[in-house]
Protein backbone atom coordinates (compact mmCIF):
# COMPACT_ATOMS: atom_id res chain seq x y z
CA UNK A 1 49.39 -15.83 -20.67
CA UNK A 2 51.01 -12.58 -21.68
CA UNK A 3 51.81 -11.46 -18.14
CA UNK A 4 53.37 -14.85 -17.33
CA UNK A 5 55.62 -14.53 -20.36
CA UNK A 6 56.69 -11.03 -19.32
CA UNK A 7 57.62 -12.17 -15.82
CA UNK A 8 59.52 -15.18 -17.19
CA UNK A 9 61.49 -12.92 -19.52
CA UNK A 10 62.37 -10.55 -16.66
CA UNK A 11 63.62 -13.52 -14.64
CA UNK A 12 65.78 -14.74 -17.52
CA UNK A 13 67.19 -11.26 -18.08
CA UNK A 14 68.34 -10.87 -14.50
CA UNK A 15 69.90 -14.34 -14.44
CA UNK A 16 71.84 -13.66 -17.64
CA UNK A 17 72.98 -10.22 -16.60
CA UNK A 18 74.03 -11.31 -13.13
CA UNK A 19 76.27 -13.94 -14.66
CA UNK A 20 77.92 -11.20 -16.69
CA UNK A 21 78.37 -8.73 -13.87
CA UNK A 22 78.98 -9.11 -10.20
CA UNK A 23 75.93 -9.89 -8.11
CA UNK A 24 77.69 -8.19 -5.22
CA UNK A 25 78.22 -5.02 -7.27
CA UNK A 26 74.59 -5.07 -8.38
CA UNK A 27 73.24 -5.41 -4.84
CA UNK A 28 75.62 -2.80 -3.47
CA UNK A 29 74.56 -0.30 -6.10
CA UNK A 30 70.87 -0.88 -5.32
CA UNK A 31 71.47 -0.44 -1.59
CA UNK A 32 73.29 2.84 -2.17
CA UNK A 33 70.68 4.26 -4.54
CA UNK A 34 67.34 3.53 -2.91
CA UNK A 35 64.82 4.93 -0.44
CA UNK A 36 61.81 3.58 1.44
CA UNK A 37 59.01 5.79 0.15
CA UNK A 38 56.61 4.69 2.90
CA UNK A 39 58.91 6.12 5.55
CA UNK A 40 57.58 9.62 6.27
CA UNK A 41 61.06 10.81 7.21
CA UNK A 42 62.77 9.60 4.05
CA UNK A 43 64.96 11.99 2.08
CA UNK A 44 63.58 11.86 -1.46
CA UNK A 45 66.54 13.88 -2.73
CA UNK A 46 68.73 10.81 -2.32
CA UNK A 47 66.96 9.25 -5.32
CA UNK A 48 64.96 12.01 -7.02
CA UNK A 49 67.26 14.98 -7.57
CA UNK A 50 66.15 18.40 -8.81
CA UNK A 51 66.45 17.34 -12.48
CA UNK A 52 63.73 14.73 -11.96
CA UNK A 53 61.12 17.41 -11.31
CA UNK A 54 61.96 19.34 -14.49
CA UNK A 55 60.26 16.65 -16.59
CA UNK A 56 57.00 17.28 -18.43
CA UNK A 57 55.68 13.71 -18.30
CA UNK A 58 55.92 11.47 -15.23
CA UNK A 59 55.11 7.87 -16.17
CA UNK A 60 54.39 5.25 -13.51
CA UNK A 61 54.07 1.64 -14.70
CA UNK A 62 52.30 -1.07 -12.73
CA UNK A 63 51.04 -4.64 -12.87
CA UNK A 64 47.26 -4.31 -12.53
CA UNK A 65 45.24 -5.18 -9.41
CA UNK A 66 47.99 -5.61 -6.81
CA UNK A 67 46.93 -3.97 -3.53
CA UNK A 68 50.18 -2.26 -2.52
CA UNK A 69 50.55 -0.72 -5.99
CA UNK A 70 47.79 1.75 -5.13
CA UNK A 71 49.41 2.67 -1.82
CA UNK A 72 52.69 3.29 -3.67
CA UNK A 73 50.84 5.21 -6.38
CA UNK A 74 49.30 7.54 -3.78
CA UNK A 75 52.69 8.24 -2.21
CA UNK A 76 54.30 8.98 -5.60
CA UNK A 77 51.32 11.04 -6.72
CA UNK A 78 51.52 13.34 -3.68
CA UNK A 79 55.31 13.67 -3.78
CA UNK A 80 55.46 14.59 -7.46
CA UNK A 81 52.43 16.89 -7.32
CA UNK A 82 53.86 18.69 -4.30
CA UNK A 83 57.00 19.46 -6.30
CA UNK A 84 55.64 20.22 -9.79
CA UNK A 85 51.89 20.84 -9.41
CA UNK A 86 50.93 18.87 -12.54
CA UNK A 87 47.39 19.50 -13.79
CA UNK A 88 46.69 16.44 -15.92
CA UNK A 89 46.33 12.83 -14.86
CA UNK A 90 46.62 10.67 -17.98
CA UNK A 91 44.49 7.52 -17.95
CA UNK A 92 44.85 4.12 -19.57
CA UNK A 93 41.10 4.17 -20.02
CA UNK A 94 38.20 4.99 -22.33
CA UNK A 95 36.76 8.48 -22.72
CA UNK A 96 33.63 7.46 -20.80
CA UNK A 97 35.86 6.64 -17.82
CA UNK A 98 37.38 10.12 -18.02
CA UNK A 99 33.94 11.72 -18.31
CA UNK A 100 32.56 10.07 -15.17
CA UNK A 101 35.73 10.63 -13.14
CA UNK A 102 35.85 14.33 -13.98
CA UNK A 103 32.16 14.61 -13.06
CA UNK A 104 33.05 13.04 -9.73
CA UNK A 105 35.91 15.51 -9.17
CA UNK A 106 33.60 18.42 -10.04
CA UNK A 107 30.64 17.39 -7.89
CA UNK A 108 31.88 14.93 -5.27
CA UNK A 109 28.81 12.83 -6.12
CA UNK A 110 29.88 9.20 -5.78
CA UNK A 111 27.20 8.05 -8.19
CA UNK A 112 29.66 9.02 -10.95
CA UNK A 113 32.46 7.06 -9.31
CA UNK A 114 30.15 4.07 -8.98
CA UNK A 115 29.24 4.38 -12.66
CA UNK A 116 32.93 4.07 -13.57
CA UNK A 117 33.33 0.84 -11.65
CA UNK A 118 30.04 -0.67 -12.72
CA UNK A 119 30.99 0.01 -16.34
CA UNK A 120 34.32 -1.78 -15.89
CA UNK A 121 33.00 -4.77 -13.95
CA UNK A 122 34.94 -7.91 -14.76
CA UNK A 123 38.20 -6.10 -15.50
CA UNK A 124 41.39 -5.78 -13.44
CA UNK A 125 40.69 -2.08 -12.91
CA UNK A 126 37.43 -2.81 -11.12
CA UNK A 127 38.83 -3.18 -7.63
CA UNK A 128 38.32 -1.59 -4.22
CA UNK A 129 41.89 -0.28 -3.94
CA UNK A 130 41.54 1.81 -7.09
CA UNK A 131 38.10 3.00 -5.95
CA UNK A 132 39.59 4.20 -2.66
CA UNK A 133 42.48 5.86 -4.50
CA UNK A 134 40.02 8.05 -6.42
CA UNK A 135 38.24 8.93 -3.19
CA UNK A 136 41.52 10.15 -1.71
CA UNK A 137 42.31 12.06 -4.87
CA UNK A 138 38.95 13.83 -4.69
CA UNK A 139 39.65 14.99 -1.14
CA UNK A 140 43.15 16.10 -2.16
CA UNK A 141 41.75 18.00 -5.14
CA UNK A 142 39.33 19.86 -2.91
CA UNK A 143 42.30 21.59 -1.29
CA UNK A 144 43.56 23.01 -4.60
CA UNK A 145 42.53 26.34 -6.11
CA UNK A 146 40.17 26.22 -9.08
CA UNK A 147 42.86 26.89 -11.69
CA UNK A 148 45.15 24.23 -10.19
CA UNK A 149 42.64 21.42 -9.81
CA UNK A 150 43.63 18.11 -11.38
CA UNK A 151 41.84 16.95 -14.52
CA UNK A 152 41.65 13.41 -15.88
CA UNK A 153 42.50 12.87 -19.54
CA UNK A 154 41.97 9.53 -21.31
CA UNK A 155 43.66 8.45 -24.52
CA UNK A 156 42.76 4.77 -24.72
CA UNK A 157 40.28 3.15 -27.11
CA UNK A 158 36.67 2.65 -25.98
CA UNK A 159 36.92 -0.68 -24.19
CA UNK A 160 33.51 -0.06 -22.60
CA UNK A 161 31.96 0.90 -25.93
CA UNK A 162 28.45 -0.15 -24.87
CA UNK A 163 28.62 2.49 -22.12
CA UNK A 164 30.03 5.02 -24.58
CA UNK A 165 27.16 4.21 -26.93
CA UNK A 166 24.67 5.12 -24.18
CA UNK A 167 26.43 8.44 -23.67
CA UNK A 168 26.47 9.21 -27.42
CA UNK A 169 22.73 8.52 -27.64
CA UNK A 170 22.15 10.82 -24.67
CA UNK A 171 23.81 13.65 -26.62
CA UNK A 172 20.94 13.50 -29.15
CA UNK A 173 18.35 14.16 -26.46
CA UNK A 174 16.20 17.26 -27.14
CA UNK A 175 18.23 18.18 -30.24
CA UNK A 176 16.77 19.08 -33.63
CA UNK A 177 16.94 15.85 -35.62
CA UNK A 178 16.39 15.39 -39.37
CA UNK A 179 12.70 15.09 -40.21
CA UNK A 180 13.42 12.52 -42.90
CA UNK A 181 12.98 9.14 -41.18
CA UNK A 182 15.32 7.56 -43.72
CA UNK A 183 18.17 9.84 -42.68
CA UNK A 184 20.88 7.75 -41.03
CA UNK A 185 20.66 9.76 -37.79
CA UNK A 186 17.15 8.40 -37.25
CA UNK A 187 18.17 4.91 -38.34
CA UNK A 188 21.05 5.00 -35.85
CA UNK A 189 18.80 6.10 -32.98
CA UNK A 190 16.38 3.26 -33.67
CA UNK A 191 19.03 0.56 -34.02
CA UNK A 192 20.64 -1.31 -31.15
CA UNK A 193 23.44 -3.86 -30.93
CA UNK A 194 25.93 -4.85 -33.65
CA UNK A 195 28.09 -1.93 -32.53
CA UNK A 196 30.85 -2.66 -35.02
CA UNK A 197 28.74 -2.30 -38.17
CA UNK A 198 26.50 0.40 -36.73
CA UNK A 199 29.43 2.68 -35.84
CA UNK A 200 31.18 1.97 -39.11
CA UNK A 201 28.08 3.24 -40.92
CA UNK A 202 27.77 6.20 -38.56
CA UNK A 203 31.39 7.14 -39.24
CA UNK A 204 30.76 7.01 -43.00
CA UNK A 205 27.67 9.21 -42.68
CA UNK A 206 29.54 11.61 -40.41
CA UNK A 207 32.38 11.93 -42.92
CA UNK A 208 30.04 12.48 -45.86
CA UNK A 209 27.81 15.02 -44.15
CA UNK A 210 29.69 16.61 -41.27
CA UNK A 211 27.74 19.87 -41.66
CA UNK A 212 24.54 18.06 -40.67
CA UNK A 213 26.12 16.77 -37.48
CA UNK A 214 27.70 20.12 -36.67
CA UNK A 215 24.26 21.73 -36.91
CA UNK A 216 22.78 19.05 -34.63
CA UNK A 217 25.48 19.05 -31.94
CA UNK A 218 26.90 22.57 -32.13
CA UNK A 219 29.42 22.85 -29.24
CA UNK A 220 29.23 19.09 -28.57
CA UNK A 221 30.25 18.18 -32.11
CA UNK A 222 33.95 17.63 -31.38
CA UNK A 223 33.12 15.25 -28.51
CA UNK A 224 30.66 13.33 -30.69
CA UNK A 225 33.21 13.09 -33.53
CA UNK A 226 35.94 11.89 -31.17
CA UNK A 227 33.76 9.18 -29.62
CA UNK A 228 32.50 7.81 -32.93
CA UNK A 229 36.07 7.68 -34.18
CA UNK A 230 37.28 6.03 -30.98
CA UNK A 231 34.66 3.28 -31.00
CA UNK A 232 35.76 2.47 -34.55
CA UNK A 233 39.36 2.45 -33.29
CA UNK A 234 38.32 -0.15 -30.73
CA UNK A 235 37.06 -2.58 -33.33
CA UNK A 236 40.14 -1.91 -35.47
CA UNK A 237 42.32 -2.98 -32.54
CA UNK A 238 40.13 -5.97 -31.66
CA UNK A 239 40.74 -7.43 -35.10
CA UNK A 240 44.28 -8.35 -33.98
CA UNK A 241 43.61 -9.02 -30.29
CA UNK A 242 44.65 -12.68 -30.62
CA UNK A 243 48.12 -11.64 -31.75
CA UNK A 244 49.72 -9.99 -28.66
CA UNK A 245 52.43 -8.07 -30.54
CA UNK A 246 49.98 -6.77 -33.16
CA UNK A 247 47.47 -5.91 -30.46
CA UNK A 248 49.99 -3.92 -28.43
CA UNK A 249 51.38 -2.14 -31.47
CA UNK A 250 47.92 -1.30 -32.83
CA UNK A 251 46.43 -0.22 -29.53
CA UNK A 252 49.34 2.02 -28.54
CA UNK A 253 49.49 3.60 -32.00
CA UNK A 254 45.77 4.41 -31.72
CA UNK A 255 46.32 5.84 -28.23
CA UNK A 256 48.95 8.09 -29.78
CA UNK A 257 46.43 9.30 -32.38
CA UNK A 258 44.08 10.14 -29.52
CA UNK A 259 46.89 11.91 -27.67
CA UNK A 260 47.49 14.15 -30.69
CA UNK A 261 43.81 15.12 -30.73
CA UNK A 262 43.77 15.85 -27.00
CA UNK A 263 46.96 17.87 -27.41
CA UNK A 264 45.03 20.40 -29.50
CA UNK A 265 43.08 21.52 -26.43
CA UNK A 266 45.45 20.73 -23.57
CA UNK A 267 48.83 22.31 -22.86
CA UNK A 268 50.46 19.13 -21.61
CA UNK A 269 54.03 20.44 -21.53
CA UNK A 270 53.10 23.67 -19.81
CA UNK A 271 50.84 22.08 -17.22
CA UNK A 272 52.75 18.79 -16.71
CA UNK A 273 51.32 15.27 -16.85
CA UNK A 274 51.20 12.36 -14.40
CA UNK A 275 50.50 9.09 -16.25
CA UNK A 276 49.62 5.78 -14.59
CA UNK A 277 49.60 2.87 -17.06
CA UNK A 278 50.48 -0.80 -17.31
CA UNK A 279 54.24 -1.31 -17.19
CA UNK A 280 54.95 -1.88 -20.89
CA UNK A 281 53.10 1.27 -21.93
CA UNK A 282 55.57 3.29 -19.84
CA UNK A 283 58.70 2.26 -21.78
CA UNK A 284 60.32 5.42 -23.15
CA UNK A 285 61.94 3.73 -26.13
CA UNK A 286 60.75 1.37 -28.84
CA UNK A 287 61.31 -2.33 -28.41
CA UNK A 288 62.02 -4.37 -31.55
CA UNK A 289 58.37 -4.96 -32.29
CA UNK A 290 56.42 -2.29 -30.46
CA UNK A 291 56.36 1.49 -30.14
CA UNK A 292 54.75 1.90 -26.71
CA UNK A 293 52.67 4.99 -25.98
CA UNK A 294 55.27 6.60 -23.68
CA UNK A 295 57.93 6.26 -26.38
CA UNK A 296 55.59 7.61 -29.07
CA UNK A 297 54.77 10.68 -26.98
CA UNK A 298 58.37 11.24 -25.88
CA UNK A 299 59.75 11.01 -29.41
CA UNK A 300 57.01 13.15 -30.95
CA UNK A 301 58.54 16.34 -29.59
CA UNK A 302 62.31 16.83 -29.04
CA UNK A 303 61.57 19.45 -26.38
CA UNK A 304 59.42 17.07 -24.34
CA UNK A 305 61.11 15.70 -21.21
CA UNK A 306 59.90 12.39 -19.83
CA UNK A 307 60.82 10.05 -17.00
CA UNK A 308 59.49 6.63 -16.11
CA UNK A 309 59.13 4.67 -12.87
CA UNK A 310 58.17 1.00 -13.17
CA UNK A 311 56.95 -1.20 -10.36
CA UNK A 312 58.72 -4.54 -9.84
CA UNK A 313 57.08 -7.18 -7.68
CA UNK A 314 58.47 -9.71 -5.23
CA UNK A 315 56.22 -12.29 -3.60
CA UNK A 316 52.97 -10.55 -4.62
CA UNK A 317 49.48 -11.57 -5.68
CA UNK A 318 47.31 -9.98 -8.36
CA UNK A 319 43.56 -10.10 -8.93
CA UNK A 320 42.82 -11.60 -12.35
CA UNK A 321 39.42 -11.97 -14.06
CA UNK A 322 38.69 -15.59 -14.95
CA UNK A 323 38.10 -14.75 -18.63
CA UNK A 324 41.80 -13.96 -19.08
CA UNK A 325 42.61 -17.66 -18.76
CA UNK A 326 41.99 -20.15 -21.60
CA UNK A 327 38.86 -22.20 -20.92
CA UNK A 328 40.83 -25.41 -20.49
CA UNK A 329 43.21 -23.75 -17.99
CA UNK A 330 40.84 -21.69 -15.91
CA UNK A 331 41.52 -21.86 -12.19
CA UNK A 332 38.58 -22.34 -9.88
CA UNK A 333 38.26 -19.91 -7.00
CA UNK A 334 36.34 -20.60 -3.80
CA UNK A 335 36.17 -16.89 -2.98
CA UNK A 336 34.85 -15.54 -6.27
CA UNK A 337 33.72 -17.21 -9.48
CA UNK A 338 34.74 -14.19 -11.59
CA UNK A 339 38.29 -13.59 -10.29
CA UNK A 340 41.31 -15.54 -9.07
CA UNK A 341 44.44 -14.46 -7.23
CA UNK A 342 47.53 -14.96 -9.36
CA UNK A 343 51.16 -15.01 -8.16
CA UNK A 344 53.36 -12.21 -9.47
CA UNK A 345 57.11 -12.26 -8.86
CA UNK A 346 59.64 -10.69 -11.22
CA UNK A 347 62.45 -10.58 -8.68
CA UNK A 348 64.78 -13.34 -9.85
CA UNK A 349 66.56 -15.07 -6.94
CA UNK A 350 65.26 -12.29 -4.64
CA UNK A 351 68.07 -9.97 -5.75
CA UNK A 352 66.05 -6.79 -5.24
CA UNK A 353 64.48 -8.10 -2.06
CA UNK A 354 67.97 -8.71 -0.64
CA UNK A 355 68.92 -5.16 -1.60
CA UNK A 356 66.16 -3.49 0.37
CA UNK A 357 64.19 -3.17 3.56
CA UNK A 358 60.50 -2.36 3.61
CA UNK A 359 57.78 -3.07 1.07
CA UNK A 360 57.99 0.12 -1.04
CA UNK A 361 61.59 0.67 -2.15
CA UNK A 362 62.47 3.13 -4.91
CA UNK A 363 65.72 2.52 -6.81
CA UNK A 364 67.47 5.10 -9.00
CA UNK A 365 69.17 3.30 -11.91
CA UNK A 366 70.52 6.30 -13.82
CA UNK A 367 73.54 7.29 -11.74
CA UNK A 368 75.97 4.56 -12.74
CA UNK A 369 77.98 4.01 -15.88
CA UNK A 370 78.56 0.29 -15.39
CA UNK A 371 76.04 -1.64 -13.30
CA UNK A 372 73.15 -1.32 -15.73
CA UNK A 373 75.15 -0.86 -18.91
CA UNK A 374 74.37 -4.29 -20.31
CA UNK A 375 71.01 -4.82 -18.64
CA UNK A 376 68.03 -5.33 -20.93
CA UNK A 377 64.33 -5.34 -20.17
CA UNK A 378 63.82 -8.12 -22.73
CA UNK A 379 66.13 -10.80 -24.09
CA UNK A 380 64.44 -10.95 -27.48
CA UNK A 381 62.57 -7.69 -27.89
CA UNK A 382 65.00 -4.89 -27.00
CA UNK A 383 66.92 -2.83 -29.52
CA UNK A 384 70.59 -3.76 -29.50
CA UNK A 385 71.78 -0.23 -28.76
CA UNK A 386 69.35 0.36 -25.88
CA UNK A 387 69.83 -0.37 -22.19
CA UNK A 388 67.40 -0.72 -19.32
CA UNK A 389 67.72 2.90 -18.21
CA UNK A 390 66.76 4.03 -21.74
CA UNK A 391 63.34 2.49 -21.14
CA UNK A 392 62.86 3.58 -17.52
CA UNK A 393 64.99 5.34 -14.94
CA UNK A 394 63.55 4.13 -11.65
CA UNK A 395 62.37 0.82 -10.20
CA UNK A 396 59.82 0.75 -7.39
CA UNK A 397 60.00 -2.62 -5.64
CA UNK A 398 56.71 -3.80 -4.13
CA UNK A 399 57.05 -6.72 -1.73
CA UNK A 400 54.56 -9.24 -0.30
CA UNK A 401 51.41 -7.53 -1.47
CA UNK A 402 48.04 -9.31 -1.40
CA UNK A 403 45.82 -9.10 -4.45
CA UNK A 404 43.28 -6.33 -4.81
CA UNK A 405 39.68 -7.16 -3.95
CA UNK A 406 37.01 -6.83 -6.66
CA UNK A 407 34.81 -3.75 -6.37
CA UNK A 408 31.26 -4.51 -5.31
CA UNK A 409 31.95 -7.96 -3.85
């Protein structure tokens, strides 16, 4: 499994680096440059100085479906928003996810929130802890003025493309459609399934006769165009899904294309962005094989300032859907036939655990010239001239967390 490989590599990295530099020095540095973020009386300035809040993008990387991650996320979210007042919350999710979440923020109607989680059933994101996080965010957003309210922005491909297809079809409702029954618009509306070929044909027709679609959709045309394009992006990425490096490179490059489109109508630098993604996506520099989305965005504009916090886990459990495991290696679960709880521990020899007290410890790794100089995030996939703090500047250690619980169970 991909996540097993990542954790094994992190373990090997720490073992190698601790042989090359003093374990005592490493632990001492961590102790001197850390805070317990769950402690209400903690002095954040000990780790996050004033320069931290001048960034435009605040990336937070996590391992999906670990309960305490969402508690830590909420604490970070409030602290950073209190200081910078960011407007945009960037999602590792499909446009349909963004659409329903923003409807929820606008109306407070939980039917939209339920639609998000029903659409993502069977995924790591479909868990109660994330559901409750959005509830808290709604209440928090209610206390903000209209012009300062937070808005969700998605840049991922359409993983839930069957749900997106329903939304696209709803856009045609009560519109003036071509009277010619052989026109592809009418063929599309009377065809179901085989999404890959259907949307490929729709994209071709859209490209060849955009005026027709602009007349049909008027102000909704740009949304329609984006969604058709993004569903086709999904199938483009799925062609290489069995090759992890190709999948990651393709998916993140397509996310970057979506980011550039969203940039046309959103002043990300001016309004600031909080981004919560899987850990790898939050690396601010290219690894040997992959340009991750955070690095693509950061390097697209020399004036853009970014920082990254990644969560590291010690003695934790994660909720994993059964389909992630090969059929011959699937683990049975007495609690739930669709999910299992999987051990997650990237803290080799408990080095970070020994350097901290509490379950939510934030380490600053940018204030030393020696301790992290030779540290790498990968043994085989990091650029030779890059160090750990080039990829991220803070580590948030999560200890002894149970797995998230599936939503709706």
